Amino acid sequence: MKRSMFKILAISVVAITGCTTDPTMYRSTQMAQPTWQKAGVAQHDVNSALQKCRYDIGMANVSPEKENTLLKACIESKGYRYTNKNLNENTYLQ
């Protein structure tokens, strides 16, 4: 009897705790560091665009000093911005 009461109590505490956590807490820690972003574009697609730019720069065989400048120019030419603001805020609220 005591074990079943303990199990019910444990399950209730877990269920209540899961319902009361703030979903924006994860979002705020996720966006704490600046990243490349574009409104309406998922992070997976951002990473793909970055890898494409890195590949193109690698194929051009440029000096390491110019790689960062070219990477920034490449990704900005595709409409991405380097920011810590959440440009996709509306997608989380829907």
C-alpha atoms as a PDB file:
ATOM      1  CA  MET A   1       0.000   0.000   0.000  1.00  0.00           C
ATOM      2  CA  LYS A   2       2.763   2.419   0.929  1.00  0.00           C
ATOM      3  CA  ARG A   3       4.651   1.664  -2.294  1.00  0.00           C
ATOM      4  CA  SER A   4       1.635   2.390  -4.468  1.00  0.00           C
ATOM      5  CA  MET A   5       1.014   5.676  -2.625  1.00  0.00           C
ATOM      6  CA  PHE A   6       4.664   6.607  -3.110  1.00  0.00           C
ATOM      7  CA  LYS A   7       4.467   5.795  -6.833  1.00  0.00           C
ATOM      8  CA  ILE A   8       1.309   7.885  -7.243  1.00  0.00           C
ATOM      9  CA  LEU A   9       2.913  10.778  -5.382  1.00  0.00           C
ATOM     10  CA  ALA A  10       6.113  10.548  -7.455  1.00  0.00           C
ATOM     11  CA  ILE A  11       4.183  10.445 -10.737  1.00  0.00           C
ATOM     12  CA  SER A  12       2.037  13.399  -9.651  1.00  0.00           C
ATOM     13  CA  VAL A  13       5.093  15.487  -8.771  1.00  0.00           C
ATOM     14  CA  VAL A  14       6.729  14.711 -12.118  1.00  0.00           C
ATOM     15  CA  ALA A  15       3.535  15.527 -14.024  1.00  0.00           C
ATOM     16  CA  ILE A  16       2.998  18.813 -12.195  1.00  0.00           C
ATOM     17  CA  THR A  17       6.629  19.838 -12.587  1.00  0.00           C
ATOM     18  CA  GLY A  18       6.487  19.148 -16.322  1.00  0.00           C
ATOM     19  CA  CYS A  19       3.422  21.337 -16.691  1.00  0.00           C
ATOM     20  CA  THR A  20       4.875  24.273 -14.800  1.00  0.00           C
ATOM     21  CA  THR A  21       8.223  24.653 -16.546  1.00  0.00           C
ATOM     22  CA  ASP A  22       8.623  27.778 -18.630  1.00  0.00           C
ATOM     23  CA  PRO A  23       9.095  26.912 -22.335  1.00  0.00           C
ATOM     24  CA  THR A  24      10.750  30.283 -22.956  1.00  0.00           C
ATOM     25  CA  MET A  25      13.542  29.421 -20.519  1.00  0.00           C
ATOM     26  CA  TYR A  26      15.181  27.086 -23.058  1.00  0.00           C
ATOM     27  CA  ARG A  27      14.711  29.610 -25.825  1.00  0.00           C
ATOM     28  CA  SER A  28      16.440  32.397 -23.891  1.00  0.00           C
ATOM     29  CA  THR A  29      19.485  30.230 -23.137  1.00  0.00           C
ATOM     30  CA  GLN A  30      19.556  28.993 -26.717  1.00  0.00           C
ATOM     31  CA  MET A  31      19.765  32.516 -28.088  1.00  0.00           C
ATOM     32  CA  ALA A  32      22.259  33.814 -25.509  1.00  0.00           C
ATOM     33  CA  GLN A  33      25.157  33.612 -27.958  1.00  0.00           C
ATOM     34  CA  PRO A  34      25.111  35.342 -31.339  1.00  0.00           C
ATOM     35  CA  THR A  35      24.465  33.122 -34.349  1.00  0.00           C
ATOM     36  CA  TRP A  36      23.779  33.582 -38.030  1.00  0.00           C
ATOM     37  CA  GLN A  37      20.030  33.942 -38.511  1.00  0.00           C
ATOM     38  CA  LYS A  38      17.449  34.796 -41.118  1.00  0.00           C
ATOM     39  CA  ALA A  39      13.782  35.411 -40.342  1.00  0.00           C
ATOM     40  CA  GLY A  40      11.661  32.364 -41.094  1.00  0.00           C
ATOM     41  CA  VAL A  41      14.658  30.068 -41.632  1.00  0.00           C
ATOM     42  CA  ALA A  42      15.338  27.079 -39.367  1.00  0.00           C
ATOM     43  CA  GLN A  43      18.747  26.652 -37.742  1.00  0.00           C
ATOM     44  CA  HIS A  44      19.329  23.516 -39.819  1.00  0.00           C
ATOM     45  CA  ASP A  45      19.025  25.559 -43.017  1.00  0.00           C
ATOM     46  CA  VAL A  46      21.340  28.220 -41.595  1.00  0.00           C
ATOM     47  CA  ASN A  47      23.946  25.542 -40.938  1.00  0.00           C
ATOM     48  CA  SER A  48      23.545  24.236 -44.480  1.00  0.00           C
ATOM     49  CA  ALA A  49      24.098  27.715 -45.918  1.00  0.00           C
ATOM     50  CA  LEU A  50      27.212  28.154 -43.767  1.00  0.00           C
ATOM     51  CA  GLN A  51      28.606  24.817 -44.906  1.00  0.00           C
ATOM     52  CA  LYS A  52      27.935  25.715 -48.544  1.00  0.00           C
ATOM     53  CA  CYS A  53      29.830  28.988 -48.114  1.00  0.00           C
ATOM     54  CA  ARG A  54      32.712  27.186 -46.372  1.00  0.00           C
ATOM     55  CA  TYR A  55      32.836  24.632 -49.180  1.00  0.00           C
ATOM     56  CA  ASP A  56      32.921  27.343 -51.857  1.00  0.00           C
ATOM     57  CA  ILE A  57      35.679  29.200 -50.021  1.00  0.00           C
ATOM     58  CA  GLY A  58      37.644  25.975 -49.633  1.00  0.00           C
ATOM     59  CA  MET A  59      37.350  25.294 -53.352  1.00  0.00           C
ATOM     60  CA  ALA A  60      38.667  28.798 -54.079  1.00  0.00           C
ATOM     61  CA  ASN A  61      41.821  27.907 -52.139  1.00  0.00           C
ATOM     62  CA  VAL A  62      42.241  31.309 -50.468  1.00  0.00           C
ATOM     63  CA  SER A  63      44.592  32.251 -47.661  1.00  0.00           C
ATOM     64  CA  PRO A  64      43.419  31.628 -44.083  1.00  0.00           C
ATOM     65  CA  GLU A  65      43.487  35.382 -43.412  1.00  0.00           C
ATOM     66  CA  LYS A  66      40.799  35.976 -46.046  1.00  0.00           C
ATOM     67  CA  GLU A  67      38.562  33.023 -45.125  1.00  0.00           C
ATOM     68  CA  ASN A  68      36.609  34.812 -42.376  1.00  0.00           C
ATOM     69  CA  THR A  69      36.048  37.889 -44.518  1.00  0.00           C
ATOM     70  CA  LEU A  70      34.822  35.777 -47.423  1.00  0.00           C
ATOM     71  CA  LEU A  71      32.621  33.647 -45.167  1.00  0.00           C
ATOM     72  CA  LYS A  72      30.975  36.765 -43.741  1.00  0.00           C
ATOM     73  CA  ALA A  73      30.437  38.218 -47.226  1.00  0.00           C
ATOM     74  CA  CYS A  74      29.050  34.928 -48.550  1.00  0.00           C
ATOM     75  CA  ILE A  75      26.532  34.349 -45.776  1.00  0.00           C
ATOM     76  CA  GLU A  76      25.434  38.003 -45.680  1.00  0.00           C
ATOM     77  CA  SER A  77      24.854  37.913 -49.435  1.00  0.00           C
ATOM     78  CA  LYS A  78      22.271  35.183 -48.762  1.00  0.00           C
ATOM     79  CA  GLY A  79      20.383  37.463 -46.363  1.00  0.00           C
ATOM     80  CA  TYR A  80      21.672  36.165 -43.021  1.00  0.00           C
ATOM     81  CA  ARG A  81      22.587  38.383 -40.061  1.00  0.00           C
ATOM     82  CA  TYR A  82      24.919  37.656 -37.153  1.00  0.00           C
ATOM     83  CA  THR A  83      22.839  38.477 -34.085  1.00  0.00           C
ATOM     84  CA  ASN A  84      21.742  37.217 -30.692  1.00  0.00           C
ATOM     85  CA  LYS A  85      18.178  38.473 -31.233  1.00  0.00           C
ATOM     86  CA  ASN A  86      15.615  35.819 -32.013  1.00  0.00           C
ATOM     87  CA  LEU A  87      14.501  36.568 -35.562  1.00  0.00           C
ATOM     88  CA  ASN A  88      12.155  33.573 -35.533  1.00  0.00           C
ATOM     89  CA  GLU A  89      10.184  34.614 -32.431  1.00  0.00           C
ATOM     90  CA  ASN A  90       6.843  34.382 -34.261  1.00  0.00           C
ATOM     91  CA  THR A  91       7.424  30.742 -35.188  1.00  0.00           C
ATOM     92  CA  TYR A  92       7.707  29.823 -31.486  1.00  0.00           C
ATOM     93  CA  LEU A  93       4.509  31.602 -30.524  1.00  0.00           C
ATOM     94  CA  GLN A  94       2.273  29.856 -33.025  1.00  0.00           C
END
